[in-house]
Amino acid sequence: LNDFETAVQSIPNVLECYSTSGDKDYVLKVVVESVHHYEKLLKTELVHLPNVASVHSTFALKQVKYTTHLPI
């Protein structure tokens, strides 16, 4: 998994990468111009990262709330 973490650092479209618990090992936040551009990124880069066995994609349809304020 260290190889994956190192390789994902070099992909400019990946804004965030989180190691997670549960069914998935990682969650990536990527930015692309369109679904077509996402498909290209997926086929040319993401599936070729070290140790990637499968990819599950989810798209945000709209932003309901966004804040960086921490209530502490």
Protein backbone atom coordinates (compact mmCIF):
# COMPACT_ATOMS: atom_id res chain seq x y z
CA LEU A 1 0.00 0.00 0.00
CA ASN A 2 2.98 2.30 0.43
CA ASP A 3 3.55 2.08 -3.33
CA PHE A 4 -0.06 3.19 -3.93
CA GLU A 5 0.28 6.11 -1.51
CA THR A 6 3.50 7.24 -3.17
CA ALA A 7 2.10 6.93 -6.71
CA VAL A 8 -1.13 8.80 -5.99
CA GLN A 9 0.92 11.83 -4.93
CA SER A 10 1.94 12.45 -8.54
CA ILE A 11 -1.59 12.71 -10.00
CA PRO A 12 -2.60 16.39 -10.12
CA ASN A 13 -6.33 15.61 -10.45
CA VAL A 14 -6.31 13.86 -7.07
CA LEU A 15 -6.95 16.62 -4.54
CA GLU A 16 -7.30 14.41 -1.47
CA CYS A 17 -6.57 10.79 -0.57
CA TYR A 18 -7.70 9.17 2.68
CA SER A 19 -6.86 5.76 4.10
CA THR A 20 -10.13 4.42 5.49
CA SER A 21 -11.59 1.64 7.58
CA GLY A 22 -14.37 -0.60 6.31
CA ASP A 23 -14.92 -2.09 2.87
CA LYS A 24 -12.65 0.31 0.97
CA ASP A 25 -8.96 0.94 1.65
CA TYR A 26 -8.87 4.47 0.24
CA VAL A 27 -11.16 7.32 -0.75
CA LEU A 28 -9.94 9.81 -3.34
CA LYS A 29 -11.34 13.24 -4.08
CA VAL A 30 -10.62 14.11 -7.70
CA VAL A 31 -11.45 17.10 -9.87
CA VAL A 32 -12.08 16.82 -13.60
CA GLU A 33 -13.86 18.88 -16.26
CA SER A 34 -16.50 16.27 -17.08
CA VAL A 35 -17.54 12.65 -16.76
CA HIS A 36 -15.67 12.01 -20.01
CA HIS A 37 -12.48 13.40 -18.43
CA TYR A 38 -13.06 11.23 -15.35
CA GLU A 39 -13.37 8.15 -17.53
CA LYS A 40 -10.06 9.05 -19.19
CA LEU A 41 -8.36 9.60 -15.81
CA LEU A 42 -9.75 6.31 -14.54
CA LYS A 43 -8.66 4.29 -17.58
CA THR A 44 -5.22 5.87 -18.03
CA GLU A 45 -4.09 6.44 -14.45
CA LEU A 46 -6.21 5.35 -11.51
CA VAL A 47 -6.67 1.68 -12.39
CA HIS A 48 -2.93 1.41 -13.09
CA LEU A 49 -1.83 2.57 -9.65
CA PRO A 50 0.05 -0.08 -7.66
CA ASN A 51 -2.13 -2.66 -5.91
CA VAL A 52 -5.47 -1.39 -7.28
CA ALA A 53 -7.82 -4.37 -7.56
CA SER A 54 -11.09 -2.49 -8.02
CA VAL A 55 -12.53 1.01 -8.21
CA HIS A 56 -15.96 2.20 -7.05
CA SER A 57 -16.96 5.69 -8.23
CA THR A 58 -19.48 8.07 -6.72
CA PHE A 59 -20.31 11.52 -8.08
CA ALA A 60 -21.63 14.49 -6.17
CA LEU A 61 -24.78 15.81 -7.84
CA LYS A 62 -24.91 19.06 -5.90
CA GLN A 63 -23.34 20.65 -2.87
CA VAL A 64 -25.87 20.88 -0.04
CA LYS A 65 -23.54 22.30 2.60
CA TYR A 66 -19.90 23.25 2.73
CA THR A 67 -18.04 24.84 5.58
CA THR A 68 -14.52 24.90 6.97
CA HIS A 69 -15.71 26.27 10.32
CA LEU A 70 -15.04 23.89 13.19
CA PRO A 71 -17.51 24.22 16.09
CA ILE A 72 -14.89 23.83 18.83
